[in-house]
N, C-alpha and C. Protein backbone atom coordinates (compact mmCIF):
# COMPACT_ATOMS: atom_id res chain seq x y z
N MET A 1 101.46 88.94 67.81
CA MET A 1 100.46 89.22 69.76
C MET A 1 99.02 88.08 69.31
N ALA A 2 99.11 88.22 67.72
CA ALA A 2 97.71 87.28 67.62
C ALA A 2 98.11 85.91 68.05
N ALA A 3 99.18 85.37 67.52
CA ALA A 3 99.44 84.09 67.77
C ALA A 3 99.47 84.06 69.71
N MET A 4 100.08 84.53 70.17
CA MET A 4 100.12 84.97 71.90
C MET A 4 98.54 84.67 71.99
N SER A 5 97.60 85.29 71.83
CA SER A 5 96.37 85.24 71.99
C SER A 5 95.65 83.89 71.99
N GLY A 6 95.95 83.24 70.75
CA GLY A 6 95.68 81.85 70.15
C GLY A 6 96.17 80.96 71.11
N GLY A 7 97.45 81.46 71.52
CA GLY A 7 98.38 80.23 72.34
C GLY A 7 97.63 80.38 73.74
N ALA A 8 97.52 81.45 74.36
CA ALA A 8 96.24 81.71 75.75
C ALA A 8 95.46 80.91 75.96
N GLY A 9 94.40 81.01 74.31
CA GLY A 9 93.13 80.09 74.41
C GLY A 9 93.34 78.81 74.29
N GLU A 10 94.42 78.35 73.90
CA GLU A 10 94.51 77.06 74.05
C GLU A 10 95.48 76.40 75.29
N PHE A 11 95.79 77.31 75.82
CA PHE A 11 96.56 76.95 77.13
C PHE A 11 95.08 77.04 78.10
N ARG A 12 94.43 78.09 78.39
CA ARG A 12 93.39 77.77 79.15
C ARG A 12 92.49 76.81 78.77
N LYS A 13 92.07 75.92 77.32
CA LYS A 13 91.26 74.86 77.20
C LYS A 13 92.20 73.41 77.65
N ARG A 14 93.42 73.91 77.93
CA ARG A 14 94.67 72.46 78.25
C ARG A 14 93.91 72.50 79.72
N LEU A 15 94.11 73.58 80.38
CA LEU A 15 93.91 74.17 81.87
C LEU A 15 92.66 73.14 82.30
N GLU A 16 91.71 73.60 81.33
CA GLU A 16 89.79 73.19 81.87
C GLU A 16 89.72 71.67 81.55
N ARG A 17 91.12 71.28 80.44
CA ARG A 17 90.97 69.70 80.38
C ARG A 17 91.34 69.06 82.10
N ALA A 18 92.80 69.67 81.97
CA ALA A 18 93.30 68.76 83.36
C ALA A 18 92.30 68.97 84.42
N ALA A 19 92.02 70.24 84.48
CA ALA A 19 90.92 70.06 85.94
C ALA A 19 90.02 69.34 85.67
N GLU A 20 89.07 69.10 84.49
CA GLU A 20 88.14 67.62 84.39
C GLU A 20 88.77 66.64 84.91
N VAL A 21 89.89 66.35 84.43
CA VAL A 21 90.41 64.98 84.38
C VAL A 21 90.94 64.86 85.80
N ARG A 22 91.20 65.97 86.61
CA ARG A 22 91.67 65.67 88.19
C ARG A 22 90.53 65.02 88.85
N SER A 23 89.19 65.45 88.50
CA SER A 23 88.31 65.54 89.09
C SER A 23 87.69 63.89 89.15
N TYR A 24 88.06 63.47 87.97
CA TYR A 24 88.18 61.93 87.90
C TYR A 24 89.15 61.44 88.57
N ARG A 25 90.42 61.68 89.10
CA ARG A 25 91.38 60.48 89.69
C ARG A 25 90.43 59.79 90.61
N GLY A 26 89.82 60.24 91.33
CA GLY A 26 89.62 59.16 92.64
C GLY A 26 88.47 58.25 92.42
N ALA A 27 87.72 58.44 90.95
CA ALA A 27 86.87 57.62 90.30
C ALA A 27 87.00 56.27 89.47
N GLY A 28 88.09 55.99 89.79
CA GLY A 28 88.61 54.25 89.30
C GLY A 28 89.28 54.59 87.92
N ILE A 29 90.48 55.59 87.88
CA ILE A 29 91.08 55.80 86.75
C ILE A 29 92.52 54.70 86.86
N SER A 30 92.97 54.37 86.00
CA SER A 30 94.02 53.48 85.93
C SER A 30 95.54 54.14 86.33
N ALA A 31 96.75 53.77 86.88
CA ALA A 31 97.93 53.83 87.18
C ALA A 31 98.04 54.89 85.86
N GLU A 32 98.07 53.76 84.65
CA GLU A 32 98.60 54.88 83.48
C GLU A 32 98.19 56.25 82.89
N GLU A 33 97.03 56.31 83.11
CA GLU A 33 96.54 57.44 83.05
C GLU A 33 96.65 57.97 83.94
N GLU A 34 96.36 57.85 85.54
CA GLU A 34 97.09 59.12 86.22
C GLU A 34 98.38 59.70 85.77
N ALA A 35 99.51 58.29 85.80
CA ALA A 35 100.92 59.13 85.03
C ALA A 35 100.83 59.93 83.88
N ALA A 36 100.39 59.52 82.69
CA ALA A 36 99.74 60.39 81.59
C ALA A 36 99.63 61.85 82.53
N LEU A 37 98.81 61.96 82.87
CA LEU A 37 98.18 63.20 83.96
C LEU A 37 98.79 63.68 84.33
N ASP A 38 99.66 63.33 85.60
CA ASP A 38 100.98 63.84 86.09
C ASP A 38 102.09 64.21 84.68
N ALA A 39 102.58 63.83 83.60
CA ALA A 39 103.20 64.08 82.85
C ALA A 39 102.98 65.11 82.27
N LEU A 40 101.60 65.67 81.60
CA LEU A 40 100.53 66.56 81.07
C LEU A 40 100.58 67.73 82.23
N ASP A 41 100.53 67.07 83.78
CA ASP A 41 100.75 68.52 84.47
C ASP A 41 102.02 69.06 84.47
N ALA A 42 103.60 68.48 84.32
CA ALA A 42 104.47 68.74 84.49
C ALA A 42 104.79 69.62 82.92
N GLN A 43 104.17 69.16 82.30
CA GLN A 43 104.53 69.51 80.55
C GLN A 43 103.79 71.04 81.00
N GLU A 44 102.64 71.38 81.45
CA GLU A 44 102.06 72.60 81.44
C GLU A 44 102.78 73.52 82.13
N ARG A 45 103.17 73.15 83.46
CA ARG A 45 103.98 73.81 84.34
C ARG A 45 105.50 74.85 83.89
N GLU A 46 106.23 73.49 83.08
CA GLU A 46 107.19 74.07 82.56
C GLU A 46 106.68 75.06 80.93
N LYS A 47 105.66 75.11 80.81
CA LYS A 47 105.50 75.82 79.78
C LYS A 47 105.04 77.33 80.40
N ARG A 48 104.23 77.08 81.56
CA ARG A 48 104.11 78.37 82.34
C ARG A 48 105.48 79.18 83.02
N ARG A 49 106.21 78.34 83.25
CA ARG A 49 107.47 78.41 83.54
C ARG A 49 108.46 79.08 82.68
N LYS A 50 108.08 78.79 81.48
CA LYS A 50 109.00 79.61 79.90
C LYS A 50 107.93 80.67 79.90
N VAL A 51 106.82 80.83 80.09
CA VAL A 51 106.27 82.56 79.51
C VAL A 51 107.39 83.53 80.56
N SER A 52 107.54 84.59 79.75
CA SER A 52 108.24 85.16 80.24
C SER A 52 107.24 86.12 81.04
N ASP A 53 107.71 87.01 81.88
CA ASP A 53 106.73 87.98 82.92
C ASP A 53 106.27 88.86 81.78
N ALA A 54 106.91 89.44 80.84
CA ALA A 54 106.26 90.73 79.92
C ALA A 54 105.39 90.13 79.15
N ALA A 55 105.72 88.93 79.04
CA ALA A 55 104.29 88.22 78.18
C ALA A 55 102.92 87.84 79.19
N ARG A 56 103.26 87.60 79.84
CA ARG A 56 102.36 87.11 81.16
C ARG A 56 101.63 88.59 81.49
N ALA A 57 102.45 89.75 81.57
CA ALA A 57 101.48 91.28 82.02
C ALA A 57 101.00 91.48 81.23
N GLU A 58 101.59 91.33 79.73
CA GLU A 58 100.60 91.53 78.32
C GLU A 58 98.96 90.87 78.23
N TYR A 59 98.92 89.69 78.76
CA TYR A 59 98.10 88.75 78.61
C TYR A 59 97.15 89.39 79.70
N LEU A 60 97.82 89.67 80.66
CA LEU A 60 96.77 90.09 81.63
C LEU A 60 96.36 91.20 81.53
N VAL A 61 96.56 92.16 80.54
CA VAL A 61 96.61 93.57 80.49
C VAL A 61 95.31 92.98 79.35
N ARG A 62 95.68 92.72 78.45
CA ARG A 62 94.78 92.31 77.14
C ARG A 62 92.99 91.81 77.76
N ASP A 63 93.54 90.87 79.08
CA ASP A 63 92.32 90.06 79.02
C ASP A 63 91.36 90.99 79.91
N ALA A 64 92.24 92.15 80.86
CA ALA A 64 91.40 93.19 81.74
C ALA A 64 90.41 94.07 80.66
N MET A 65 91.20 94.50 79.37
CA MET A 65 90.53 95.24 78.41
C MET A 65 89.34 94.52 77.96
N ALA A 66 89.79 92.86 77.41
CA ALA A 66 88.74 92.81 76.95
C ALA A 66 87.38 92.81 78.10
N GLN A 67 87.98 92.59 79.55
CA GLN A 67 86.37 92.38 80.05
C GLN A 67 85.94 93.63 80.41
N GLY A 68 86.94 94.81 79.86
CA GLY A 68 86.22 96.22 80.29
C GLY A 68 86.68 96.59 81.37
N LYS A 69 87.56 96.29 82.15
CA LYS A 69 87.80 96.76 83.53
C LYS A 69 88.33 98.29 83.46
N PHE A 70 88.90 98.57 81.98
CA PHE A 70 89.81 99.82 81.70
C PHE A 70 88.75 100.77 81.62
N ASP A 71 87.40 100.54 81.27
CA ASP A 71 86.44 101.73 80.81
C ASP A 71 86.25 102.34 82.12
N ASN A 72 85.71 103.62 81.79
CA ASN A 72 85.58 104.72 82.41
C ASN A 72 86.26 104.91 83.45
N LEU A 73 87.76 104.95 83.21
CA LEU A 73 88.92 105.60 84.42
C LEU A 73 88.77 106.86 84.28
N LYS A 74 89.25 107.46 86.16
CA LYS A 74 89.22 108.84 85.79
C LYS A 74 89.69 109.50 84.53
N TYR A 75 91.08 109.59 84.32
CA TYR A 75 91.29 110.24 82.87
C TYR A 75 91.45 110.21 82.21
N ALA A 76 90.46 109.08 81.40
CA ALA A 76 90.40 108.45 80.19
C ALA A 76 90.35 109.34 79.09
N GLY A 77 91.12 109.32 78.35
CA GLY A 77 91.14 110.89 76.90
C GLY A 77 91.80 111.86 77.68
N LYS A 78 92.59 112.11 78.94
CA LYS A 78 92.98 113.21 79.38
C LYS A 78 94.01 113.22 79.89
N PRO A 79 94.64 114.21 79.88
CA PRO A 79 96.16 114.31 80.12
C PRO A 79 96.73 113.94 81.67
N ILE A 80 97.29 113.14 82.08
CA ILE A 80 97.75 112.88 83.58
C ILE A 80 98.20 114.17 83.95
N PRO A 81 97.81 115.08 85.33
CA PRO A 81 98.71 116.34 85.60
C PRO A 81 99.75 115.63 86.23
N GLY A 82 100.74 116.63 86.25
CA GLY A 82 101.86 116.26 86.53
C GLY A 82 102.43 115.85 85.55
N LEU A 83 102.60 115.09 84.63
CA LEU A 83 102.97 114.51 84.09
C LEU A 83 104.10 115.35 82.93
N GLY A 84 105.42 114.49 82.92
CA GLY A 84 106.50 115.45 82.18
C GLY A 84 107.04 117.09 82.82
N GLU A 85 106.47 116.73 84.21
CA GLU A 85 107.07 118.00 85.09
C GLU A 85 108.53 117.39 85.69
N SER A 86 109.41 118.43 85.90
CA SER A 86 110.51 118.19 86.68
C SER A 86 109.91 117.31 88.28
N TYR A 87 111.07 116.53 88.64
CA TYR A 87 110.70 115.78 89.42
C TYR A 87 111.00 116.68 90.79
N ASP A 88 109.67 116.75 91.70
CA ASP A 88 109.36 117.35 92.64
C ASP A 88 109.07 116.43 94.19
N PRO A 89 110.20 116.35 94.69
CA PRO A 89 110.24 115.38 96.30
C PRO A 89 108.72 115.76 97.26
N ASP A 90 108.47 117.12 97.08
CA ASP A 90 107.19 117.05 97.69
C ASP A 90 106.00 117.02 96.49
N TRP A 91 105.84 116.45 95.91
CA TRP A 91 104.41 116.40 95.02
C TRP A 91 103.32 115.72 95.82
N TRP A 92 103.46 114.73 96.59
CA TRP A 92 102.76 114.10 97.32
C TRP A 92 101.96 114.86 98.21
N VAL A 93 102.76 115.96 99.38
CA VAL A 93 102.26 116.69 99.68
C VAL A 93 101.57 117.99 99.46
N LYS A 94 102.13 118.50 98.41
CA LYS A 94 101.24 119.77 97.56
C LYS A 94 99.71 118.75 96.89
N GLY A 95 99.91 117.86 96.25
CA GLY A 95 98.93 117.04 95.72
C GLY A 95 97.29 116.91 96.24
N LEU A 96 98.16 116.74 98.09
CA LEU A 96 97.17 116.37 99.60
C LEU A 96 96.45 117.95 99.48
N ILE A 97 97.32 118.72 99.78
CA ILE A 97 96.69 120.13 99.83
C ILE A 97 95.89 120.81 98.89
N GLN A 98 96.23 120.12 97.55
CA GLN A 98 95.25 120.53 96.79
C GLN A 98 93.81 120.21 97.07
N ARG A 99 93.77 118.57 96.95
CA ARG A 99 92.61 118.15 96.92
C ARG A 99 92.26 118.19 97.97
N GLU A 100 92.62 118.18 99.14
CA GLU A 100 91.99 118.71 100.66
C GLU A 100 91.15 119.88 100.65
N ASN A 101 92.12 120.84 100.25
CA ASN A 101 91.53 122.21 100.10
C ASN A 101 92.29 122.64 101.38
N ILE A 102 93.62 122.13 101.87
CA ILE A 102 93.87 122.52 103.46
C ILE A 102 94.81 123.77 103.14
N SER A 103 94.29 124.62 104.18
CA SER A 103 94.77 126.19 104.65
C SER A 103 95.49 125.80 105.67
N GLY A 104 96.16 127.22 105.72
CA GLY A 104 96.75 127.53 107.10
C GLY A 104 98.54 127.01 107.30
N LEU A 105 98.68 126.09 105.69
CA LEU A 105 100.16 125.34 105.64
C LEU A 105 100.77 125.97 104.51
N GLY A 106 101.86 126.24 104.58
CA GLY A 106 102.83 126.84 103.75
C GLY A 106 103.85 127.85 104.00
N PRO A 107 104.73 128.71 103.39
CA PRO A 107 105.68 129.37 104.19
C PRO A 107 104.94 130.67 104.42
N ALA A 108 105.55 131.19 105.26
CA ALA A 108 104.61 132.39 106.31
C ALA A 108 104.67 133.80 105.34
N ALA A 109 105.67 133.71 104.63
CA ALA A 109 105.36 134.91 103.83
C ALA A 109 104.51 135.16 102.69
N ILE A 110 103.66 133.90 102.66
CA ILE A 110 102.75 133.93 101.62
C ILE A 110 101.13 133.75 102.23
N LEU A 111 101.57 133.12 103.57
CA LEU A 111 100.46 133.13 104.32
C LEU A 111 99.94 134.77 104.93
N LEU A 112 100.78 135.43 105.12
CA LEU A 112 100.84 136.73 105.70
C LEU A 112 100.19 137.80 104.56
N ARG A 113 100.88 137.77 103.66
CA ARG A 113 100.54 138.09 102.24
C ARG A 113 98.88 137.74 101.98
N ALA A 114 98.41 136.72 102.63
CA ALA A 114 96.82 136.19 102.15
C ALA A 114 96.28 136.66 103.61
N GLU A 115 96.71 137.07 104.74
CA GLU A 115 95.96 137.45 105.69
C GLU A 115 95.94 139.01 105.78
N ASP A 116 97.42 139.36 105.37
CA ASP A 116 97.48 140.88 104.98
C ASP A 116 95.65 141.61 104.32
N ALA A 117 95.71 140.56 102.77
CA ALA A 117 94.40 141.15 102.33
C ALA A 117 93.25 141.01 102.81
N GLU A 118 93.03 139.85 103.53
CA GLU A 118 91.72 139.72 104.30
C GLU A 118 91.66 140.66 105.96
N LEU A 119 92.40 141.18 106.22
CA LEU A 119 92.72 141.75 107.47
C LEU A 119 91.32 142.72 107.67
N ASP A 120 90.88 143.71 106.32
CA ASP A 120 90.26 144.95 106.95
C ASP A 120 88.84 143.65 107.26
N ALA A 121 88.32 143.18 106.55
CA ALA A 121 87.24 142.10 106.49
C ALA A 121 86.93 141.58 108.00
N LYS A 122 88.45 141.19 108.55
CA LYS A 122 88.72 140.87 110.19
C LYS A 122 88.58 141.73 110.89
N LEU A 123 88.97 142.75 110.87
CA LEU A 123 88.66 143.78 111.70
C LEU A 123 87.34 144.23 111.93
N ASP A 124 86.69 144.54 110.51
CA ASP A 124 85.56 144.95 110.36
C ASP A 124 84.21 143.88 111.15
N ALA A 125 84.81 142.66 111.13
CA ALA A 125 83.98 141.46 112.33
C ALA A 125 84.08 141.96 113.75
N GLN A 126 84.97 142.73 114.03
CA GLN A 126 85.43 143.08 115.94
C GLN A 126 84.52 144.25 115.95
N TYR A 127 84.01 144.07 117.67
CA TYR A 127 83.20 144.86 117.98
C TYR A 127 83.47 145.98 118.63
N THR A 128 84.58 145.56 119.11
CA THR A 128 85.22 146.66 119.72
C THR A 128 86.70 147.25 119.81
N GLU A 129 86.92 148.37 119.97
CA GLU A 129 88.14 148.77 119.86
C GLU A 129 89.54 148.09 120.29
N GLN A 130 89.40 147.83 121.49
CA GLN A 130 90.28 146.57 122.20
C GLN A 130 90.42 145.44 121.09
N GLN A 131 89.49 144.82 120.96
CA GLN A 131 89.74 143.29 119.87
C GLN A 131 89.95 144.01 118.77
N VAL A 132 89.91 145.20 118.15
CA VAL A 132 90.64 145.65 116.99
C VAL A 132 92.33 145.80 117.04
N ARG A 133 92.34 146.36 118.55
CA ARG A 133 94.25 146.77 118.56
C ARG A 133 94.59 144.94 118.86
N ASP A 134 93.91 144.14 119.58
CA ASP A 134 94.22 143.03 119.85
C ASP A 134 94.90 142.31 118.12
N VAL A 135 93.72 142.43 117.30
CA VAL A 135 94.05 141.65 115.83
C VAL A 135 95.15 142.10 115.23
N VAL A 136 95.11 143.56 115.22
CA VAL A 136 96.26 144.04 114.45
C VAL A 136 97.74 143.55 114.97
N ALA A 137 97.99 143.82 116.71
CA ALA A 137 98.91 143.55 117.14
C ALA A 137 99.39 142.16 117.24
N ASP A 138 98.51 141.16 117.27
CA ASP A 138 98.90 139.77 116.99
C ASP A 138 99.36 140.01 115.25
N PHE A 139 98.77 140.22 114.43
CA PHE A 139 99.49 140.21 112.89
C PHE A 139 101.01 141.22 112.84
N ASN A 140 101.17 141.87 113.56
CA ASN A 140 102.06 142.65 113.70
C ASN A 140 103.65 141.48 114.45
N ARG A 141 103.24 141.11 115.53
CA ARG A 141 103.55 140.13 115.95
C ARG A 141 104.35 139.15 115.02
N ARG A 142 103.41 138.56 114.29
CA ARG A 142 103.58 137.34 113.12
C ARG A 142 104.76 137.85 112.22
N VAL A 143 104.57 138.73 111.74
CA VAL A 143 105.00 139.51 110.56
C VAL A 143 106.81 140.02 111.50
N VAL A 144 106.66 140.17 112.11
CA VAL A 144 108.15 140.48 112.94
C VAL A 144 108.97 139.27 112.91
N ASP A 145 108.04 138.24 113.46
CA ASP A 145 108.60 136.94 113.90
C ASP A 145 109.09 136.01 112.34
N ALA A 146 108.01 135.99 111.41
CA ALA A 146 108.66 135.58 110.21
C ALA A 146 110.02 136.49 109.22
N ARG A 147 109.96 137.86 109.76
CA ARG A 147 110.93 138.46 109.22
C ARG A 147 112.18 138.11 109.98
N ARG A 148 112.50 137.72 110.92
CA ARG A 148 113.33 137.28 111.89
C ARG A 148 114.06 135.53 111.44
N GLN A 149 113.05 134.78 111.19
CA GLN A 149 113.86 133.50 110.82
C GLN A 149 114.21 133.12 109.51
N LEU A 150 115.28 132.34 109.40
CA LEU A 150 116.12 132.26 108.18
C LEU A 150 115.91 130.84 107.72
N GLN A 151 114.82 130.29 107.73
CA GLN A 151 114.78 129.32 107.57
C GLN A 151 114.61 128.72 105.69
N GLY A 152 114.19 130.03 105.07
CA GLY A 152 114.39 129.90 103.96
C GLY A 152 113.21 130.26 103.18
N GLY A 153 113.28 129.83 102.01
CA GLY A 153 111.95 130.24 101.41
C GLY A 153 111.34 131.51 100.85
N PRO A 154 110.46 132.02 100.56
CA PRO A 154 110.02 133.17 99.46
C PRO A 154 110.68 134.07 100.42
N PRO A 155 110.87 136.14 100.63
CA PRO A 155 111.18 136.75 101.78
C PRO A 155 109.65 137.14 102.03
N VAL A 156 109.75 137.65 103.13
CA VAL A 156 108.61 138.21 103.61
C VAL A 156 108.42 139.63 103.74
N VAL A 157 107.85 140.25 102.68
CA VAL A 157 107.33 141.45 102.34
C VAL A 157 106.30 142.12 102.75
N THR A 158 105.28 141.69 103.72
CA THR A 158 104.13 142.18 104.46
C THR A 158 104.49 142.89 105.16
N LYS A 159 103.62 144.49 104.98
CA LYS A 159 104.51 145.43 106.31
C LYS A 159 103.26 145.30 107.12
N THR A 160 103.76 145.78 108.74
CA THR A 160 103.37 145.72 109.66
C THR A 160 102.35 146.94 109.59
N ARG A 161 100.98 146.73 110.43
CA ARG A 161 100.21 148.00 110.52
C ARG A 161 100.37 148.74 111.66
N ASP A 162 100.05 149.91 111.37
CA ASP A 162 100.01 151.46 112.71
C ASP A 162 98.98 150.73 113.14
N VAL A 163 98.91 150.59 114.46
CA VAL A 163 97.60 150.43 115.51
C VAL A 163 96.59 151.36 115.52
N ASP A 164 97.03 152.65 115.68
CA ASP A 164 95.97 153.39 115.84
C ASP A 164 95.24 153.83 114.66
N GLY A 165 96.01 153.98 113.62
CA GLY A 165 96.09 154.25 112.36
C GLY A 165 94.45 152.79 111.84
N GLU A 166 95.04 151.73 112.33
CA GLU A 166 93.74 150.68 112.19
C GLU A 166 93.06 150.74 112.78
N VAL A 167 92.60 151.39 113.66
CA VAL A 167 91.70 151.93 114.64
C VAL A 167 90.93 152.57 114.45
N GLU A 168 91.35 154.15 113.77
CA GLU A 168 90.89 154.59 113.07
C GLU A 168 90.04 154.69 111.75
N ARG A 169 90.84 153.63 110.87
CA ARG A 169 90.21 153.20 109.93
C ARG A 169 88.91 152.59 110.10
N TRP A 170 88.74 151.63 111.29
CA TRP A 170 87.74 150.34 111.68
C TRP A 170 86.72 151.72 111.79
N ARG A 171 86.68 152.47 112.83
CA ARG A 171 85.84 153.98 113.05
C ARG A 171 85.08 154.35 111.83
N SER A 172 85.84 154.52 110.97
CA SER A 172 84.89 155.28 110.29
C SER A 172 84.51 154.12 108.94
N ARG A 173 84.79 153.28 109.17
CA ARG A 173 84.25 152.36 107.95
C ARG A 173 82.90 151.87 108.96
N ARG A 174 83.31 151.84 109.99
CA ARG A 174 81.98 151.70 111.16
C ARG A 174 80.78 152.81 110.67
N ALA A 175 81.19 153.88 110.82
CA ALA A 175 80.24 155.00 110.97
C ALA A 175 79.94 154.95 109.19
N VAL A 176 80.56 154.91 108.04
CA VAL A 176 80.12 154.39 106.81
C VAL A 176 78.89 153.36 106.88
N GLN A 177 78.87 152.30 107.54
CA GLN A 177 78.04 151.15 107.95
C GLN A 177 76.95 151.74 108.68
N VAL A 178 76.77 152.51 109.70
CA VAL A 178 76.10 152.80 110.00
C VAL A 178 75.13 153.83 109.32
N ASP A 179 75.63 154.58 108.90
CA ASP A 179 74.76 155.79 108.09
C ASP A 179 73.91 155.00 106.88
N GLU A 180 74.57 154.33 106.33
CA GLU A 180 74.32 153.33 105.15
C GLU A 180 72.77 152.32 105.58
N ALA A 181 72.92 152.38 106.96
CA ALA A 181 72.28 151.10 107.48
C ALA A 181 70.89 151.42 107.02
N PRO A 182 69.78 150.95 106.55
CA PRO A 182 68.25 151.06 106.15
C PRO A 182 67.46 151.12 107.29
N ALA A 183 66.84 152.12 107.45
CA ALA A 183 66.15 152.72 108.69
C ALA A 183 65.18 151.23 108.93
N THR A 184 65.21 151.31 110.24
CA THR A 184 64.18 150.06 110.83
C THR A 184 63.10 150.28 110.44
N PRO A 185 61.75 149.57 110.02
CA PRO A 185 60.50 150.02 109.75
C PRO A 185 59.56 149.85 111.42
N GLU A 186 58.46 150.56 111.39
CA GLU A 186 57.73 150.83 112.34
C GLU A 186 57.67 149.09 112.89
N PRO A 187 57.58 148.32 114.11
CA PRO A 187 56.80 147.19 113.98
C PRO A 187 54.90 147.31 113.81
N GLU A 188 55.12 145.55 113.37
CA GLU A 188 53.61 145.88 112.69
C GLU A 188 52.70 145.64 114.04
N ARG A 189 51.90 146.23 114.02
CA ARG A 189 50.88 146.04 115.12
C ARG A 189 50.32 145.02 115.47
N PRO A 190 50.07 143.68 116.52
CA PRO A 190 49.72 142.90 116.88
C PRO A 190 48.08 142.75 116.21
N TRP A 191 48.08 141.38 115.88
CA TRP A 191 46.39 141.10 115.17
C TRP A 191 45.38 142.01 116.37
N TRP A 192 45.78 141.78 117.69
CA TRP A 192 44.91 141.89 117.98
C TRP A 192 44.38 143.61 118.66
N LYS A 193 45.39 143.93 118.51
CA LYS A 193 45.48 145.66 118.46
C LYS A 193 44.57 146.07 117.00
N ARG A 194 45.11 145.66 116.31
CA ARG A 194 44.47 145.68 114.77
C ARG A 194 42.86 145.91 114.70
N LEU A 195 42.39 144.43 115.58
CA LEU A 195 41.14 144.10 115.92
C LEU A 195 40.03 144.99 116.35
N TRP A 196 40.75 145.50 117.69
CA TRP A 196 40.23 146.27 118.25
C TRP A 196 40.71 147.68 118.53
N LYS A 197 40.52 148.23 117.33
CA LYS A 197 41.31 149.91 117.20
C LYS A 197 40.55 150.82 118.14
N GLY A 198 39.41 150.66 118.19
CA GLY A 198 38.75 151.85 119.34
C GLY A 198 39.00 151.39 120.56
N THR A 199 39.42 150.51 121.02
CA THR A 199 39.93 150.31 122.80
C THR A 199 40.66 150.48 122.75
N GLY A 200 41.37 151.74 122.69
CA GLY A 200 42.76 152.23 123.38
C GLY A 200 43.33 152.46 122.69
């Protein structure tokens, strides 16, 4: 490889010399000198043609390394994620979902399981009993629809919820929140009432 890098330096010098001579072509060189230059160009072209693609790629990589173009790369000194795993045809979709933190995509069984875990908090954010009933009814409808679909994927193990039972649980949680709420302090009197204590 050292011979190649030495040959590359020599090749570069010849190219620079050829470019220099070409710049003098219109400046009164003889026909013999021009023929010699053409022969030199033909030799250089022939040598370049004989260099294999692998050698050319090796030279370009080494040149880029010498210029520091490979310094501070993202995975320098770290394992490349996903390298060595079995081939997954959906690798780019999974990578996009992970990079962009996209939610709401995936098998219905997994999405419903995640939604079931967060359903109590969603119900606590509702203000009326009818809103709670609507949210639970919508959740139950999607669970039943997911069980009916035969598109493959993991099985749907999420259970439907009893609407009346969820309303009762919502009421009891709401009552506890009201009992635990701190008493509101008396509002502070305006400055002008504090200043005029004796008038009124």
